[in-house]
Amino acid sequence: MVNLHGSGPWAATGSLDEKLIIWDLHHSVPRFSCDHEDGVTCLSWLGTSRYVATGCADGKVRVWDSLSGICVKTFSGHTGIIQSLAVSANGDFLVSVAFDGIGRVFRISEFK
């Protein structure tokens, strides 16, 4: 999957190869490759911030700093593969749904 940043020259790609790659679109090169413990199944930029969230096959949601490539937060609570992520209009919440049939809401206002 791929997701373009809303206001910056960046893209994020993820796949079942257990990697999130942050791309610099000006130079067409990867900035960072961020390793996961399991496959990346979905991703979303957190509004126009520098952070990107990944949903994974291990049931975890991770928040990454696109300027450093570091995982700054891991959210747990699912027992199934994460299917989808969405950010609230005000940027305060990240919602995840998984194959366990559960939706979770995580507060992300610290990442604006």
N, C-alpha and C. Protein backbone atom coordinates (compact mmCIF):
# COMPACT_ATOMS: atom_id res chain seq x y z
N MET A 1 0.83 -1.18 0.00
CA MET A 1 0.00 0.00 0.00
C MET A 1 0.88 1.24 0.00
N VAL A 2 0.26 2.35 -0.41
CA VAL A 2 0.99 3.62 -0.49
C VAL A 2 0.08 4.73 0.02
N ASN A 3 0.69 5.74 0.64
CA ASN A 3 -0.05 6.88 1.13
C ASN A 3 0.84 8.11 0.97
N LEU A 4 0.30 9.16 0.33
CA LEU A 4 1.04 10.40 0.13
C LEU A 4 0.78 11.36 1.28
N HIS A 5 1.81 12.07 1.70
CA HIS A 5 1.66 13.07 2.76
C HIS A 5 0.79 14.21 2.25
N GLY A 6 -0.05 14.76 3.13
CA GLY A 6 -1.00 15.78 2.73
C GLY A 6 -0.40 17.12 2.34
N SER A 7 0.79 17.46 2.83
CA SER A 7 1.35 18.77 2.50
C SER A 7 2.85 18.76 2.26
N GLY A 8 3.49 17.63 2.43
CA GLY A 8 4.94 17.57 2.25
C GLY A 8 5.32 16.65 1.11
N PRO A 9 6.58 16.68 0.72
CA PRO A 9 7.06 15.88 -0.41
C PRO A 9 7.44 14.46 -0.01
N TRP A 10 6.55 13.78 0.72
CA TRP A 10 6.85 12.44 1.22
C TRP A 10 5.76 11.47 0.84
N ALA A 11 6.16 10.22 0.74
CA ALA A 11 5.22 9.12 0.56
C ALA A 11 5.62 8.03 1.54
N ALA A 12 4.67 7.20 1.90
CA ALA A 12 4.94 6.05 2.75
C ALA A 12 4.41 4.81 2.05
N THR A 13 5.22 3.76 2.03
CA THR A 13 4.78 2.48 1.47
C THR A 13 5.00 1.40 2.51
N GLY A 14 4.13 0.42 2.48
CA GLY A 14 4.25 -0.70 3.40
C GLY A 14 3.79 -1.97 2.71
N SER A 15 4.29 -3.11 3.20
CA SER A 15 3.89 -4.37 2.59
C SER A 15 4.13 -5.52 3.56
N LEU A 16 3.78 -6.70 3.10
CA LEU A 16 3.93 -7.88 3.94
C LEU A 16 5.39 -8.30 4.12
N ASP A 17 6.33 -7.55 3.51
CA ASP A 17 7.76 -7.83 3.71
C ASP A 17 8.27 -7.27 5.04
N GLU A 18 7.32 -6.78 5.88
CA GLU A 18 7.62 -6.30 7.24
C GLU A 18 8.36 -4.97 7.25
N LYS A 19 8.13 -4.13 6.22
CA LYS A 19 8.82 -2.85 6.15
C LYS A 19 7.86 -1.71 5.83
N LEU A 20 8.09 -0.59 6.48
CA LEU A 20 7.52 0.70 6.11
C LEU A 20 8.67 1.48 5.50
N ILE A 21 8.45 2.05 4.33
CA ILE A 21 9.49 2.87 3.71
C ILE A 21 8.95 4.28 3.56
N ILE A 22 9.71 5.24 4.07
CA ILE A 22 9.39 6.66 3.92
C ILE A 22 10.20 7.17 2.74
N TRP A 23 9.50 7.75 1.75
CA TRP A 23 10.13 8.20 0.51
C TRP A 23 10.24 9.72 0.44
N ASP A 24 11.35 10.20 -0.07
CA ASP A 24 11.55 11.61 -0.40
C ASP A 24 11.18 11.75 -1.88
N LEU A 25 10.04 12.38 -2.15
CA LEU A 25 9.56 12.47 -3.52
C LEU A 25 10.37 13.42 -4.39
N HIS A 26 11.02 14.43 -3.77
CA HIS A 26 11.84 15.36 -4.55
C HIS A 26 13.03 14.65 -5.20
N HIS A 27 13.57 13.66 -4.50
CA HIS A 27 14.76 12.98 -4.99
C HIS A 27 14.49 11.54 -5.41
N SER A 28 13.24 11.08 -5.24
CA SER A 28 12.85 9.71 -5.62
C SER A 28 13.71 8.65 -4.95
N VAL A 29 14.00 8.88 -3.67
CA VAL A 29 14.80 7.92 -2.91
C VAL A 29 14.13 7.67 -1.55
N PRO A 30 14.38 6.48 -0.99
CA PRO A 30 13.86 6.22 0.35
C PRO A 30 14.66 6.99 1.40
N ARG A 31 13.95 7.61 2.35
CA ARG A 31 14.60 8.29 3.48
C ARG A 31 14.92 7.28 4.57
N PHE A 32 13.92 6.42 4.88
CA PHE A 32 14.08 5.44 5.95
C PHE A 32 13.35 4.17 5.59
N SER A 33 13.89 3.06 6.06
CA SER A 33 13.21 1.78 6.02
C SER A 33 13.00 1.35 7.46
N CYS A 34 11.74 1.18 7.85
CA CYS A 34 11.38 0.92 9.24
C CYS A 34 10.91 -0.52 9.38
N ASP A 35 11.67 -1.32 10.12
CA ASP A 35 11.39 -2.75 10.26
C ASP A 35 10.26 -3.01 11.25
N HIS A 36 9.42 -3.97 10.92
CA HIS A 36 8.31 -4.42 11.76
C HIS A 36 8.53 -5.88 12.12
N GLU A 37 7.82 -6.35 13.13
CA GLU A 37 7.90 -7.76 13.54
C GLU A 37 7.05 -8.66 12.65
N ASP A 38 6.11 -8.05 11.90
CA ASP A 38 5.22 -8.80 11.00
C ASP A 38 4.84 -7.87 9.85
N GLY A 39 4.08 -8.36 8.90
CA GLY A 39 3.74 -7.59 7.72
C GLY A 39 2.92 -6.34 8.01
N VAL A 40 3.16 -5.31 7.21
CA VAL A 40 2.40 -4.06 7.28
C VAL A 40 1.17 -4.23 6.39
N THR A 41 -0.02 -4.05 6.97
CA THR A 41 -1.26 -4.29 6.24
C THR A 41 -2.02 -3.01 5.87
N CYS A 42 -1.71 -1.90 6.52
CA CYS A 42 -2.32 -0.61 6.19
C CYS A 42 -1.48 0.50 6.82
N LEU A 43 -1.67 1.71 6.33
CA LEU A 43 -0.93 2.84 6.89
C LEU A 43 -1.68 4.13 6.65
N SER A 44 -1.35 5.13 7.46
CA SER A 44 -1.99 6.44 7.34
C SER A 44 -1.09 7.51 7.94
N TRP A 45 -0.90 8.61 7.20
CA TRP A 45 -0.25 9.78 7.78
C TRP A 45 -1.18 10.35 8.84
N LEU A 46 -0.63 10.88 9.90
CA LEU A 46 -1.42 11.51 10.96
C LEU A 46 -1.61 12.97 10.59
N GLY A 47 -2.62 13.21 9.76
CA GLY A 47 -2.88 14.56 9.26
C GLY A 47 -1.72 15.06 8.44
N THR A 48 -1.30 16.28 8.69
CA THR A 48 -0.15 16.85 7.98
C THR A 48 1.10 16.87 8.87
N SER A 49 1.07 16.07 9.93
CA SER A 49 2.24 15.98 10.83
C SER A 49 3.33 15.14 10.18
N ARG A 50 4.43 15.01 10.87
CA ARG A 50 5.55 14.21 10.36
C ARG A 50 5.41 12.74 10.71
N TYR A 51 4.31 12.36 11.35
CA TYR A 51 4.11 10.99 11.83
C TYR A 51 3.23 10.17 10.90
N VAL A 52 3.56 8.90 10.79
CA VAL A 52 2.77 7.96 10.00
C VAL A 52 2.49 6.73 10.88
N ALA A 53 1.26 6.24 10.80
CA ALA A 53 0.86 5.06 11.58
C ALA A 53 0.78 3.85 10.64
N THR A 54 1.19 2.71 11.17
CA THR A 54 1.06 1.45 10.42
C THR A 54 0.22 0.47 11.22
N GLY A 55 -0.61 -0.26 10.50
CA GLY A 55 -1.34 -1.38 11.06
C GLY A 55 -0.67 -2.65 10.57
N CYS A 56 -0.59 -3.65 11.44
CA CYS A 56 0.24 -4.80 11.11
C CYS A 56 -0.48 -6.13 11.30
N ALA A 57 0.10 -7.14 10.71
CA ALA A 57 -0.44 -8.49 10.81
C ALA A 57 -0.34 -9.04 12.23
N ASP A 58 0.51 -8.45 13.06
CA ASP A 58 0.64 -8.90 14.45
C ASP A 58 -0.40 -8.28 15.38
N GLY A 59 -1.33 -7.48 14.81
CA GLY A 59 -2.39 -6.87 15.60
C GLY A 59 -2.00 -5.58 16.29
N LYS A 60 -0.83 -5.06 15.99
CA LYS A 60 -0.37 -3.82 16.62
C LYS A 60 -0.45 -2.65 15.65
N VAL A 61 -0.62 -1.46 16.22
CA VAL A 61 -0.57 -0.20 15.47
C VAL A 61 0.66 0.55 15.97
N ARG A 62 1.50 0.97 15.04
CA ARG A 62 2.72 1.67 15.41
C ARG A 62 2.72 3.07 14.80
N VAL A 63 3.29 4.02 15.54
CA VAL A 63 3.44 5.39 15.05
C VAL A 63 4.92 5.64 14.84
N TRP A 64 5.27 6.13 13.66
CA TRP A 64 6.66 6.35 13.25
C TRP A 64 6.91 7.83 12.99
N ASP A 65 8.08 8.29 13.39
CA ASP A 65 8.54 9.65 13.08
C ASP A 65 9.22 9.59 11.71
N SER A 66 8.64 10.25 10.72
CA SER A 66 9.19 10.18 9.36
C SER A 66 10.51 10.93 9.21
N LEU A 67 10.86 11.77 10.18
CA LEU A 67 12.13 12.51 10.10
C LEU A 67 13.30 11.74 10.71
N SER A 68 12.99 10.73 11.53
CA SER A 68 14.06 9.94 12.15
C SER A 68 13.98 8.45 11.83
N GLY A 69 12.80 7.98 11.40
CA GLY A 69 12.61 6.55 11.15
C GLY A 69 12.42 5.73 12.40
N ILE A 70 12.16 6.39 13.53
CA ILE A 70 12.01 5.71 14.82
C ILE A 70 10.54 5.49 15.15
N CYS A 71 10.24 4.30 15.68
CA CYS A 71 8.91 4.02 16.19
C CYS A 71 8.76 4.72 17.53
N VAL A 72 7.80 5.64 17.62
CA VAL A 72 7.65 6.46 18.83
C VAL A 72 6.50 5.98 19.72
N LYS A 73 5.65 5.09 19.20
CA LYS A 73 4.53 4.59 20.00
C LYS A 73 4.01 3.30 19.38
N THR A 74 3.65 2.35 20.24
CA THR A 74 3.00 1.12 19.80
C THR A 74 1.71 0.96 20.57
N PHE A 75 0.62 0.77 19.84
CA PHE A 75 -0.69 0.55 20.44
C PHE A 75 -1.05 -0.93 20.28
N SER A 76 -1.55 -1.53 21.35
CA SER A 76 -1.99 -2.91 21.34
C SER A 76 -3.49 -2.95 21.59
N GLY A 77 -4.07 -4.13 21.51
CA GLY A 77 -5.48 -4.28 21.82
C GLY A 77 -6.23 -5.16 20.83
N HIS A 78 -5.59 -5.48 19.72
CA HIS A 78 -6.21 -6.37 18.74
C HIS A 78 -5.58 -7.76 18.82
N THR A 79 -6.37 -8.76 18.48
CA THR A 79 -5.85 -10.13 18.40
C THR A 79 -5.83 -10.62 16.96
N GLY A 80 -6.23 -9.76 16.03
CA GLY A 80 -6.23 -10.12 14.62
C GLY A 80 -5.47 -9.10 13.80
N ILE A 81 -5.32 -9.41 12.53
CA ILE A 81 -4.63 -8.54 11.58
C ILE A 81 -5.36 -7.21 11.46
N ILE A 82 -4.64 -6.11 11.52
CA ILE A 82 -5.23 -4.79 11.35
C ILE A 82 -5.64 -4.63 9.88
N GLN A 83 -6.91 -4.24 9.67
CA GLN A 83 -7.44 -4.07 8.32
C GLN A 83 -7.35 -2.64 7.82
N SER A 84 -7.61 -1.68 8.71
CA SER A 84 -7.73 -0.30 8.26
C SER A 84 -7.44 0.66 9.40
N LEU A 85 -6.96 1.85 9.03
CA LEU A 85 -6.70 2.93 9.98
C LEU A 85 -7.35 4.21 9.44
N ALA A 86 -7.83 5.05 10.35
CA ALA A 86 -8.38 6.35 9.96
C ALA A 86 -8.10 7.34 11.08
N VAL A 87 -7.83 8.59 10.69
CA VAL A 87 -7.55 9.66 11.64
C VAL A 87 -8.78 10.56 11.70
N SER A 88 -9.16 10.98 12.92
CA SER A 88 -10.30 11.88 13.08
C SER A 88 -9.98 13.23 12.45
N ALA A 89 -11.04 13.96 12.10
CA ALA A 89 -10.89 15.26 11.42
C ALA A 89 -10.07 16.24 12.25
N ASN A 90 -10.19 16.19 13.57
CA ASN A 90 -9.44 17.12 14.42
C ASN A 90 -8.03 16.61 14.74
N GLY A 91 -7.68 15.40 14.29
CA GLY A 91 -6.35 14.85 14.49
C GLY A 91 -6.07 14.33 15.88
N ASP A 92 -7.09 14.22 16.71
CA ASP A 92 -6.89 13.77 18.09
C ASP A 92 -6.97 12.25 18.26
N PHE A 93 -7.58 11.56 17.29
CA PHE A 93 -7.82 10.13 17.46
C PHE A 93 -7.46 9.34 16.21
N LEU A 94 -6.96 8.13 16.44
CA LEU A 94 -6.69 7.17 15.39
C LEU A 94 -7.59 5.98 15.65
N VAL A 95 -8.35 5.57 14.65
CA VAL A 95 -9.26 4.43 14.78
C VAL A 95 -8.71 3.28 13.96
N SER A 96 -8.70 2.10 14.56
CA SER A 96 -8.25 0.90 13.85
C SER A 96 -9.35 -0.15 13.90
N VAL A 97 -9.43 -0.94 12.85
CA VAL A 97 -10.30 -2.11 12.82
C VAL A 97 -9.46 -3.29 12.38
N ALA A 98 -9.83 -4.47 12.90
CA ALA A 98 -9.03 -5.66 12.63
C ALA A 98 -9.93 -6.85 12.34
N PHE A 99 -9.30 -7.92 11.88
CA PHE A 99 -10.03 -9.15 11.59
C PHE A 99 -10.57 -9.82 12.85
N ASP A 100 -10.23 -9.31 14.03
CA ASP A 100 -10.84 -9.83 15.26
C ASP A 100 -12.24 -9.27 15.48
N GLY A 101 -12.70 -8.41 14.54
CA GLY A 101 -14.04 -7.86 14.61
C GLY A 101 -14.18 -6.68 15.56
N ILE A 102 -13.06 -6.15 16.02
CA ILE A 102 -13.07 -5.08 17.01
C ILE A 102 -12.51 -3.80 16.40
N GLY A 103 -13.11 -2.68 16.76
CA GLY A 103 -12.57 -1.37 16.44
C GLY A 103 -11.96 -0.78 17.71
N ARG A 104 -10.86 -0.12 17.58
CA ARG A 104 -10.19 0.53 18.71
C ARG A 104 -9.99 2.00 18.40
N VAL A 105 -10.04 2.83 19.43
CA VAL A 105 -9.79 4.27 19.30
C VAL A 105 -8.60 4.61 20.18
N PHE A 106 -7.60 5.23 19.57
CA PHE A 106 -6.38 5.61 20.29
C PHE A 106 -6.23 7.13 20.24
N ARG A 107 -5.87 7.73 21.37
CA ARG A 107 -5.62 9.17 21.42
C ARG A 107 -4.23 9.44 20.84
N ILE A 108 -4.18 10.35 19.85
CA ILE A 108 -2.91 10.67 19.19
C ILE A 108 -2.63 12.17 19.16
N SER A 109 -3.32 12.93 19.99
CA SER A 109 -3.17 14.39 19.97
C SER A 109 -1.72 14.83 20.21
N GLU A 110 -0.92 13.99 20.85
CA GLU A 110 0.49 14.34 21.10
C GLU A 110 1.32 14.34 19.82
N PHE A 111 0.78 13.81 18.72
CA PHE A 111 1.53 13.72 17.47
C PHE A 111 1.09 14.74 16.42
N LYS A 112 0.43 15.81 16.84
CA LYS A 112 0.00 16.84 15.88
C LYS A 112 1.18 17.67 15.43
